[in-house]
Amino acid sequence: MKNYLYSFLFTILFFTNAGAQTPLTSAIDFNVKTLDGEVIDLFPILDQNKIVVVDFFSTSCGPCQTFAYDFQIAYENFGFNQGNVFFLGVNYNGTNEDVRFFDSLFNISLPSASGLDGGGNKVFDSYLVAAYPTVIVIKPDHAIAEQFIWEPSAENIIEAVINAGGLLVGQKENSFSNNDIQIYPNPATSRITLSLELDQQELITIKLKEMSGRLIAIPFENVILEKGINNPEIETGFLPNGMYFVELTIGSSMVIRKLAVRNN
């Protein structure tokens, strides 16, 4: 009965953009066991002056699948839990086998705890999370800085974590403005053009990936772009209709854009 309630509430919240969220403003301690058998306790991590980012998800929920790799991208950008930010996936009502399959399907390597075998259901109940996906950000002082990030894209998660004090790992000051990087047309048909303005000469690599994170093609690899406005073009006519990631590595920084392909 509870599972039907969760699904019903999710449908309402997702389609009205009201959003799934925890009503809590201060964190409650919890412990879960990951797929690898590691026991993770929340408060000891916060006591290390780390920010904790939790993705409450279900393996069967469509948007959870759509944004699964976005959470992985944010996890990588903040240093694979080796910096001052700790990422954790908390599942509802799945077994370790269910979550392990989900993680393999969407190329997830961050720590995940299943609902039934890892204690995830108890955390859902403690945080009064009514639907999924719900991504929250907890600061070291136990304050919940973000009760709900929507949409949980990599860009939005990264921005929310930086606002909470998270530090990106291994990235220098950008020679470009993230907001100035555009893709057009989007949705695309046979070809897309990227528009980016650089403050200095940079080495770039551009990759096309499925939403699961699987690499499709590398149209540009270690190509030098000059200072000023650059407009590299990428063929997309070979792609089936659907959603994709365009991943740009510019110098030591990474930028992700989503691309819709609508070929006839």
C-alpha atoms as a PDB file:
ATOM      1  CA  MET A   1       0.000   0.000   0.000  1.00  0.00           C
ATOM      2  CA  LYS A   2       2.837   2.376   0.876  1.00  0.00           C
ATOM      3  CA  ASN A   3       4.489   1.757  -2.498  1.00  0.00           C
ATOM      4  CA  TYR A   4       1.296   2.795  -4.299  1.00  0.00           C
ATOM      5  CA  LEU A   5       1.151   5.918  -2.131  1.00  0.00           C
ATOM      6  CA  TYR A   6       4.712   6.851  -3.043  1.00  0.00           C
ATOM      7  CA  SER A   7       4.017   6.365  -6.747  1.00  0.00           C
ATOM      8  CA  PHE A   8       0.788   8.373  -6.576  1.00  0.00           C
ATOM      9  CA  LEU A   9       2.427  11.249  -4.735  1.00  0.00           C
ATOM     10  CA  PHE A  10       5.367  11.230  -7.131  1.00  0.00           C
ATOM     11  CA  THR A  11       3.089  11.522 -10.147  1.00  0.00           C
ATOM     12  CA  ILE A  12       1.298  14.517  -8.682  1.00  0.00           C
ATOM     13  CA  LEU A  13       4.452  16.310  -7.581  1.00  0.00           C
ATOM     14  CA  PHE A  14       6.454  15.666 -10.725  1.00  0.00           C
ATOM     15  CA  PHE A  15       3.836  16.805 -13.190  1.00  0.00           C
ATOM     16  CA  THR A  16       2.826  19.885 -11.181  1.00  0.00           C
ATOM     17  CA  ASN A  17       6.477  20.865 -10.566  1.00  0.00           C
ATOM     18  CA  ALA A  18       5.602  21.223  -6.898  1.00  0.00           C
ATOM     19  CA  GLY A  19       8.552  18.988  -6.233  1.00  0.00           C
ATOM     20  CA  ALA A  20       9.433  16.119  -3.968  1.00  0.00           C
ATOM     21  CA  GLN A  21      11.208  17.315  -0.856  1.00  0.00           C
ATOM     22  CA  THR A  22      11.892  16.716   2.798  1.00  0.00           C
ATOM     23  CA  PRO A  23      10.107  19.105   5.164  1.00  0.00           C
ATOM     24  CA  LEU A  24      13.062  18.885   7.549  1.00  0.00           C
ATOM     25  CA  THR A  25      15.399  21.854   7.969  1.00  0.00           C
ATOM     26  CA  SER A  26      17.890  20.069  10.220  1.00  0.00           C
ATOM     27  CA  ALA A  27      19.437  16.681   9.529  1.00  0.00           C
ATOM     28  CA  ILE A  28      18.588  13.532  11.466  1.00  0.00           C
ATOM     29  CA  ASP A  29      21.410  11.066  11.968  1.00  0.00           C
ATOM     30  CA  PHE A  30      21.215   7.792  10.062  1.00  0.00           C
ATOM     31  CA  ASN A  31      23.351   4.880   8.995  1.00  0.00           C
ATOM     32  CA  VAL A  32      23.091   2.756   5.879  1.00  0.00           C
ATOM     33  CA  LYS A  33      25.046  -0.118   4.414  1.00  0.00           C
ATOM     34  CA  THR A  34      26.277   0.338   0.847  1.00  0.00           C
ATOM     35  CA  LEU A  35      26.316  -2.307  -1.862  1.00  0.00           C
ATOM     36  CA  ASP A  36      29.962  -2.967  -0.941  1.00  0.00           C
ATOM     37  CA  GLY A  37      29.035  -3.606   2.700  1.00  0.00           C
ATOM     38  CA  GLU A  38      30.435  -0.319   4.003  1.00  0.00           C
ATOM     39  CA  VAL A  39      28.454   1.213   6.856  1.00  0.00           C
ATOM     40  CA  ILE A  40      28.013   4.962   6.382  1.00  0.00           C
ATOM     41  CA  ASP A  41      27.011   7.115   9.358  1.00  0.00           C
ATOM     42  CA  LEU A  42      25.842  10.646   8.539  1.00  0.00           C
ATOM     43  CA  PHE A  43      26.923  12.680  11.571  1.00  0.00           C
ATOM     44  CA  PRO A  44      30.574  11.467  11.661  1.00  0.00           C
ATOM     45  CA  ILE A  45      30.903  12.602   8.021  1.00  0.00           C
ATOM     46  CA  LEU A  46      29.431  16.015   8.864  1.00  0.00           C
ATOM     47  CA  ASP A  47      31.785  16.211  11.855  1.00  0.00           C
ATOM     48  CA  GLN A  48      34.674  16.044   9.350  1.00  0.00           C
ATOM     49  CA  ASN A  49      33.397  19.415   8.078  1.00  0.00           C
ATOM     50  CA  LYS A  50      32.038  17.787   4.941  1.00  0.00           C
ATOM     51  CA  ILE A  51      28.877  18.623   3.039  1.00  0.00           C
ATOM     52  CA  VAL A  52      26.653  15.608   2.377  1.00  0.00           C
ATOM     53  CA  VAL A  53      24.511  15.368  -0.765  1.00  0.00           C
ATOM     54  CA  VAL A  54      21.836  12.670  -0.754  1.00  0.00           C
ATOM     55  CA  ASP A  55      19.906  11.427  -3.767  1.00  0.00           C
ATOM     56  CA  PHE A  56      16.672   9.710  -2.692  1.00  0.00           C
ATOM     57  CA  PHE A  57      15.701   7.524  -5.647  1.00  0.00           C
ATOM     58  CA  SER A  58      13.871   4.465  -6.896  1.00  0.00           C
ATOM     59  CA  THR A  59      15.193   2.121  -9.560  1.00  0.00           C
ATOM     60  CA  SER A  60      11.800   2.029 -11.325  1.00  0.00           C
ATOM     61  CA  CYS A  61      11.143   5.790 -11.442  1.00  0.00           C
ATOM     62  CA  GLY A  62      11.566   7.368 -14.899  1.00  0.00           C
ATOM     63  CA  PRO A  63      13.015  10.740 -13.784  1.00  0.00           C
ATOM     64  CA  CYS A  64      15.351   8.899 -11.373  1.00  0.00           C
ATOM     65  CA  GLN A  65      16.743   7.091 -14.398  1.00  0.00           C
ATOM     66  CA  THR A  66      16.885  10.290 -16.470  1.00  0.00           C
ATOM     67  CA  PHE A  67      18.934  12.167 -13.870  1.00  0.00           C
ATOM     68  CA  ALA A  68      20.967   9.257 -12.456  1.00  0.00           C
ATOM     69  CA  TYR A  69      24.105  10.099 -14.412  1.00  0.00           C
ATOM     70  CA  ASP A  70      23.747  13.806 -13.554  1.00  0.00           C
ATOM     71  CA  PHE A  71      24.293  12.904  -9.896  1.00  0.00           C
ATOM     72  CA  GLN A  72      27.352  10.856 -10.911  1.00  0.00           C
ATOM     73  CA  ILE A  73      28.766  13.831 -12.841  1.00  0.00           C
ATOM     74  CA  ALA A  74      28.396  16.088  -9.792  1.00  0.00           C
ATOM     75  CA  TYR A  75      30.055  13.406  -7.640  1.00  0.00           C
ATOM     76  CA  GLU A  76      33.029  13.334 -10.011  1.00  0.00           C
ATOM     77  CA  ASN A  77      33.312  17.128 -10.179  1.00  0.00           C
ATOM     78  CA  PHE A  78      33.623  17.365  -6.398  1.00  0.00           C
ATOM     79  CA  GLY A  79      36.369  14.757  -6.236  1.00  0.00           C
ATOM     80  CA  PHE A  80      34.761  11.315  -5.829  1.00  0.00           C
ATOM     81  CA  ASN A  81      34.049  11.962  -2.108  1.00  0.00           C
ATOM     82  CA  GLN A  82      37.705  12.810  -1.504  1.00  0.00           C
ATOM     83  CA  GLY A  83      37.097  16.570  -1.210  1.00  0.00           C
ATOM     84  CA  ASN A  84      34.829  18.440   1.190  1.00  0.00           C
ATOM     85  CA  VAL A  85      31.634  16.970  -0.314  1.00  0.00           C
ATOM     86  CA  PHE A  86      30.253  13.451   0.199  1.00  0.00           C
ATOM     87  CA  PHE A  87      27.677  12.031  -2.243  1.00  0.00           C
ATOM     88  CA  LEU A  88      25.344   9.176  -1.341  1.00  0.00           C
ATOM     89  CA  GLY A  89      22.486   7.454  -3.146  1.00  0.00           C
ATOM     90  CA  VAL A  90      19.631   6.234  -0.918  1.00  0.00           C
ATOM     91  CA  ASN A  91      17.172   3.884  -2.577  1.00  0.00           C
ATOM     92  CA  TYR A  92      13.545   3.132  -1.754  1.00  0.00           C
ATOM     93  CA  ASN A  93      12.208  -0.428  -1.691  1.00  0.00           C
ATOM     94  CA  GLY A  94      14.911  -2.071  -3.796  1.00  0.00           C
ATOM     95  CA  THR A  95      17.268  -4.936  -2.985  1.00  0.00           C
ATOM     96  CA  ASN A  96      21.047  -4.799  -3.305  1.00  0.00           C
ATOM     97  CA  GLU A  97      20.667  -6.719  -6.561  1.00  0.00           C
ATOM     98  CA  ASP A  98      18.145  -4.171  -7.888  1.00  0.00           C
ATOM     99  CA  VAL A  99      20.366  -1.201  -7.079  1.00  0.00           C
ATOM    100  CA  ARG A 100      23.510  -2.912  -8.354  1.00  0.00           C
ATOM    101  CA  PHE A 101      21.805  -3.474 -11.712  1.00  0.00           C
ATOM    102  CA  PHE A 102      20.573   0.153 -11.756  1.00  0.00           C
ATOM    103  CA  ASP A 103      24.084   1.441 -11.020  1.00  0.00           C
ATOM    104  CA  SER A 104      25.639  -0.721 -13.726  1.00  0.00           C
ATOM    105  CA  LEU A 105      23.004   0.391 -16.250  1.00  0.00           C
ATOM    106  CA  PHE A 106      23.651   4.100 -15.631  1.00  0.00           C
ATOM    107  CA  ASN A 107      27.396   3.906 -14.924  1.00  0.00           C
ATOM    108  CA  ILE A 108      27.062   4.905 -11.267  1.00  0.00           C
ATOM    109  CA  SER A 109      30.122   4.423  -9.053  1.00  0.00           C
ATOM    110  CA  LEU A 110      29.202   6.578  -6.043  1.00  0.00           C
ATOM    111  CA  PRO A 111      28.130   4.860  -2.797  1.00  0.00           C
ATOM    112  CA  SER A 112      24.557   3.567  -2.920  1.00  0.00           C
ATOM    113  CA  ALA A 113      22.380   1.939  -0.252  1.00  0.00           C
ATOM    114  CA  SER A 114      19.365  -0.142  -1.186  1.00  0.00           C
ATOM    115  CA  GLY A 115      16.024   0.317   0.495  1.00  0.00           C
ATOM    116  CA  LEU A 116      15.477  -3.262   1.667  1.00  0.00           C
ATOM    117  CA  ASP A 117      19.000  -4.563   2.288  1.00  0.00           C
ATOM    118  CA  GLY A 118      20.884  -1.345   3.022  1.00  0.00           C
ATOM    119  CA  GLY A 119      18.487   0.568   5.255  1.00  0.00           C
ATOM    120  CA  GLY A 120      17.359   3.092   2.666  1.00  0.00           C
ATOM    121  CA  ASN A 121      13.663   2.729   3.498  1.00  0.00           C
ATOM    122  CA  LYS A 122      14.304   3.807   7.098  1.00  0.00           C
ATOM    123  CA  VAL A 123      16.037   6.975   5.867  1.00  0.00           C
ATOM    124  CA  PHE A 124      13.114   7.754   3.576  1.00  0.00           C
ATOM    125  CA  ASP A 125      10.804   7.449   6.583  1.00  0.00           C
ATOM    126  CA  SER A 126      13.044   9.539   8.875  1.00  0.00           C
ATOM    127  CA  TYR A 127      13.296  12.361   6.334  1.00  0.00           C
ATOM    128  CA  LEU A 128       9.609  12.171   5.390  1.00  0.00           C
ATOM    129  CA  VAL A 129      10.505  12.006   1.707  1.00  0.00           C
ATOM    130  CA  ALA A 130       7.200  11.558  -0.109  1.00  0.00           C
ATOM    131  CA  ALA A 131       8.466  11.023  -3.655  1.00  0.00           C
ATOM    132  CA  TYR A 132      11.537  10.692  -5.828  1.00  0.00           C
ATOM    133  CA  PRO A 133      13.931  11.802  -7.099  1.00  0.00           C
ATOM    134  CA  THR A 134      14.709  14.135  -4.207  1.00  0.00           C
ATOM    135  CA  VAL A 135      18.231  15.548  -3.893  1.00  0.00           C
ATOM    136  CA  ILE A 136      19.092  17.348  -0.656  1.00  0.00           C
ATOM    137  CA  VAL A 137      22.224  19.142   0.565  1.00  0.00           C
ATOM    138  CA  ILE A 138      23.259  18.935   4.238  1.00  0.00           C
ATOM    139  CA  LYS A 139      25.868  21.327   5.664  1.00  0.00           C
ATOM    140  CA  PRO A 140      28.388  20.389   8.387  1.00  0.00           C
ATOM    141  CA  ASP A 141      26.303  22.246  11.010  1.00  0.00           C
ATOM    142  CA  HIS A 142      23.465  19.767  10.212  1.00  0.00           C
ATOM    143  CA  ALA A 143      21.362  22.434   8.462  1.00  0.00           C
ATOM    144  CA  ILE A 144      19.626  21.212   5.317  1.00  0.00           C
ATOM    145  CA  ALA A 145      20.694  23.906   2.858  1.00  0.00           C
ATOM    146  CA  GLU A 146      18.648  22.476  -0.020  1.00  0.00           C
ATOM    147  CA  GLN A 147      15.482  20.524   0.699  1.00  0.00           C
ATOM    148  CA  PHE A 148      14.917  19.834  -2.972  1.00  0.00           C
ATOM    149  CA  ILE A 149      16.897  20.514  -6.157  1.00  0.00           C
ATOM    150  CA  TRP A 150      14.748  20.577  -9.273  1.00  0.00           C
ATOM    151  CA  GLU A 151      15.516  19.662 -11.854  1.00  0.00           C
ATOM    152  CA  PRO A 152      18.370  17.533 -10.475  1.00  0.00           C
ATOM    153  CA  SER A 153      20.637  18.185 -13.452  1.00  0.00           C
ATOM    154  CA  ALA A 154      24.400  18.128 -12.981  1.00  0.00           C
ATOM    155  CA  GLU A 155      24.521  21.913 -13.404  1.00  0.00           C
ATOM    156  CA  ASN A 156      21.831  22.545 -10.779  1.00  0.00           C
ATOM    157  CA  ILE A 157      23.327  20.110  -8.272  1.00  0.00           C
ATOM    158  CA  ILE A 158      26.811  21.570  -8.713  1.00  0.00           C
ATOM    159  CA  GLU A 159      25.496  25.116  -8.273  1.00  0.00           C
ATOM    160  CA  ALA A 160      23.570  24.192  -5.119  1.00  0.00           C
ATOM    161  CA  VAL A 161      26.574  22.447  -3.581  1.00  0.00           C
ATOM    162  CA  ILE A 162      28.907  25.364  -4.372  1.00  0.00           C
ATOM    163  CA  ASN A 163      26.379  27.722  -2.742  1.00  0.00           C
ATOM    164  CA  ALA A 164      26.532  25.518   0.361  1.00  0.00           C
ATOM    165  CA  GLY A 165      30.334  25.767   0.448  1.00  0.00           C
ATOM    166  CA  GLY A 166      31.352  22.804  -1.695  1.00  0.00           C
ATOM    167  CA  LEU A 167      34.714  23.010  -3.461  1.00  0.00           C
ATOM    168  CA  LEU A 168      35.239  21.641  -6.949  1.00  0.00           C
ATOM    169  CA  VAL A 169      38.298  19.410  -7.139  1.00  0.00           C
ATOM    170  CA  GLY A 170      41.095  19.744  -9.680  1.00  0.00           C
ATOM    171  CA  GLN A 171      39.628  22.696 -11.577  1.00  0.00           C
ATOM    172  CA  LYS A 172      41.337  26.022 -12.156  1.00  0.00           C
ATOM    173  CA  GLU A 173      39.617  29.343 -12.672  1.00  0.00           C
ATOM    174  CA  ASN A 174      37.667  29.107 -15.904  1.00  0.00           C
ATOM    175  CA  SER A 175      38.693  31.031 -19.004  1.00  0.00           C
ATOM    176  CA  PHE A 176      35.026  31.098 -20.045  1.00  0.00           C
ATOM    177  CA  SER A 177      31.563  31.792 -18.682  1.00  0.00           C
ATOM    178  CA  ASN A 178      29.489  28.648 -18.194  1.00  0.00           C
ATOM    179  CA  ASN A 179      26.330  30.523 -19.149  1.00  0.00           C
ATOM    180  CA  ASP A 180      27.848  31.601 -22.476  1.00  0.00           C
ATOM    181  CA  ILE A 181      28.185  28.039 -23.782  1.00  0.00           C
ATOM    182  CA  GLN A 182      25.202  27.332 -26.026  1.00  0.00           C
ATOM    183  CA  ILE A 183      24.073  24.565 -28.379  1.00  0.00           C
ATOM    184  CA  TYR A 184      21.839  25.249 -31.336  1.00  0.00           C
ATOM    185  CA  PRO A 185      19.539  24.073 -32.711  1.00  0.00           C
ATOM    186  CA  ASN A 186      18.294  22.132 -29.704  1.00  0.00           C
ATOM    187  CA  PRO A 187      16.359  19.911 -30.448  1.00  0.00           C
ATOM    188  CA  ALA A 188      18.755  18.968 -33.221  1.00  0.00           C
ATOM    189  CA  THR A 189      18.330  17.127 -36.487  1.00  0.00           C
ATOM    190  CA  SER A 190      21.413  16.511 -38.622  1.00  0.00           C
ATOM    191  CA  ARG A 191      23.951  18.883 -37.061  1.00  0.00           C
ATOM    192  CA  ILE A 192      24.546  21.123 -34.055  1.00  0.00           C
ATOM    193  CA  THR A 193      26.731  24.170 -33.549  1.00  0.00           C
ATOM    194  CA  LEU A 194      28.333  25.042 -30.244  1.00  0.00           C
ATOM    195  CA  SER A 195      28.966  28.643 -29.313  1.00  0.00           C
ATOM    196  CA  LEU A 196      31.610  29.366 -26.693  1.00  0.00           C
ATOM    197  CA  GLU A 197      33.727  32.410 -25.959  1.00  0.00           C
ATOM    198  CA  LEU A 198      37.196  31.884 -24.477  1.00  0.00           C
ATOM    199  CA  ASP A 199      39.351  34.402 -22.635  1.00  0.00           C
ATOM    200  CA  GLN A 200      42.462  32.543 -23.762  1.00  0.00           C
ATOM    201  CA  GLN A 201      43.586  29.708 -26.018  1.00  0.00           C
ATOM    202  CA  GLU A 202      42.373  26.358 -24.672  1.00  0.00           C
ATOM    203  CA  LEU A 203      42.623  22.652 -25.410  1.00  0.00           C
ATOM    204  CA  ILE A 204      39.143  21.113 -25.716  1.00  0.00           C
ATOM    205  CA  THR A 205      37.584  17.677 -26.029  1.00  0.00           C
ATOM    206  CA  ILE A 206      33.905  17.160 -26.865  1.00  0.00           C
ATOM    207  CA  LYS A 207      32.129  13.852 -26.232  1.00  0.00           C
ATOM    208  CA  LEU A 208      28.628  12.647 -27.040  1.00  0.00           C
ATOM    209  CA  LYS A 209      27.120  10.331 -24.433  1.00  0.00           C
ATOM    210  CA  GLU A 210      23.884   8.511 -23.842  1.00  0.00           C
ATOM    211  CA  MET A 211      21.872   9.488 -20.768  1.00  0.00           C
ATOM    212  CA  SER A 212      23.295   6.385 -19.096  1.00  0.00           C
ATOM    213  CA  GLY A 213      26.771   7.870 -19.512  1.00  0.00           C
ATOM    214  CA  ARG A 214      27.826   5.424 -22.222  1.00  0.00           C
ATOM    215  CA  LEU A 215      30.210   7.038 -24.676  1.00  0.00           C
ATOM    216  CA  ILE A 216      28.909   7.309 -28.257  1.00  0.00           C
ATOM    217  CA  ALA A 217      31.482   9.442 -30.046  1.00  0.00           C
ATOM    218  CA  ILE A 218      34.323  11.930 -29.541  1.00  0.00           C
ATOM    219  CA  PRO A 219      33.876  14.528 -32.314  1.00  0.00           C
ATOM    220  CA  PHE A 220      36.754  16.688 -30.997  1.00  0.00           C
ATOM    221  CA  GLU A 221      39.707  15.387 -28.999  1.00  0.00           C
ATOM    222  CA  ASN A 222      42.495  17.638 -27.700  1.00  0.00           C
ATOM    223  CA  VAL A 223      41.753  20.339 -30.257  1.00  0.00           C
ATOM    224  CA  ILE A 224      43.131  23.849 -29.732  1.00  0.00           C
ATOM    225  CA  LEU A 225      40.588  26.659 -29.816  1.00  0.00           C
ATOM    226  CA  GLU A 226      41.733  30.261 -29.961  1.00  0.00           C
ATOM    227  CA  LYS A 227      40.763  33.159 -27.717  1.00  0.00           C
ATOM    228  CA  GLY A 228      37.421  34.681 -28.717  1.00  0.00           C
ATOM    229  CA  ILE A 229      34.175  33.204 -30.049  1.00  0.00           C
ATOM    230  CA  ASN A 230      34.384  29.624 -31.350  1.00  0.00           C
ATOM    231  CA  ASN A 231      31.664  27.654 -33.173  1.00  0.00           C
ATOM    232  CA  PRO A 232      32.581  23.969 -33.530  1.00  0.00           C
ATOM    233  CA  GLU A 233      30.014  21.874 -35.423  1.00  0.00           C
ATOM    234  CA  ILE A 234      29.025  18.272 -34.665  1.00  0.00           C
ATOM    235  CA  GLU A 235      27.140  15.780 -36.832  1.00  0.00           C
ATOM    236  CA  THR A 236      24.059  14.354 -35.094  1.00  0.00           C
ATOM    237  CA  GLY A 237      22.140  12.802 -38.003  1.00  0.00           C
ATOM    238  CA  PHE A 238      23.358   9.319 -37.075  1.00  0.00           C
ATOM    239  CA  LEU A 239      21.806   9.498 -33.596  1.00  0.00           C
ATOM    240  CA  PRO A 240      18.397   7.937 -32.879  1.00  0.00           C
ATOM    241  CA  ASN A 241      15.760  10.274 -31.482  1.00  0.00           C
ATOM    242  CA  GLY A 242      16.233  10.854 -27.782  1.00  0.00           C
ATOM    243  CA  MET A 243      18.164  12.757 -25.117  1.00  0.00           C
ATOM    244  CA  TYR A 244      21.964  12.914 -24.926  1.00  0.00           C
ATOM    245  CA  PHE A 245      24.801  14.554 -23.038  1.00  0.00           C
ATOM    246  CA  VAL A 246      27.303  16.824 -24.766  1.00  0.00           C
ATOM    247  CA  GLU A 247      30.350  16.784 -22.493  1.00  0.00           C
ATOM    248  CA  LEU A 248      32.946  19.525 -23.033  1.00  0.00           C
ATOM    249  CA  THR A 249      36.333  19.408 -21.376  1.00  0.00           C
ATOM    250  CA  ILE A 250      37.862  22.874 -21.649  1.00  0.00           C
ATOM    251  CA  GLY A 251      41.335  22.983 -20.165  1.00  0.00           C
ATOM    252  CA  SER A 252      40.865  21.340 -16.752  1.00  0.00           C
ATOM    253  CA  SER A 253      37.141  22.161 -16.494  1.00  0.00           C
ATOM    254  CA  MET A 254      34.126  20.135 -17.567  1.00  0.00           C
ATOM    255  CA  VAL A 255      30.795  21.484 -18.806  1.00  0.00           C
ATOM    256  CA  ILE A 256      27.742  19.324 -19.505  1.00  0.00           C
ATOM    257  CA  ARG A 257      24.853  20.224 -21.777  1.00  0.00           C
ATOM    258  CA  LYS A 258      21.800  18.140 -22.616  1.00  0.00           C
ATOM    259  CA  LEU A 259      20.840  17.657 -26.233  1.00  0.00           C
ATOM    260  CA  ALA A 260      17.554  16.501 -27.706  1.00  0.00           C
ATOM    261  CA  VAL A 261      17.694  14.821 -31.112  1.00  0.00           C
ATOM    262  CA  ARG A 262      14.574  14.811 -33.269  1.00  0.00           C
ATOM    263  CA  ASN A 263      15.504  13.303 -36.624  1.00  0.00           C
ATOM    264  CA  ASN A 264      12.750  12.639 -39.156  1.00  0.00           C
END
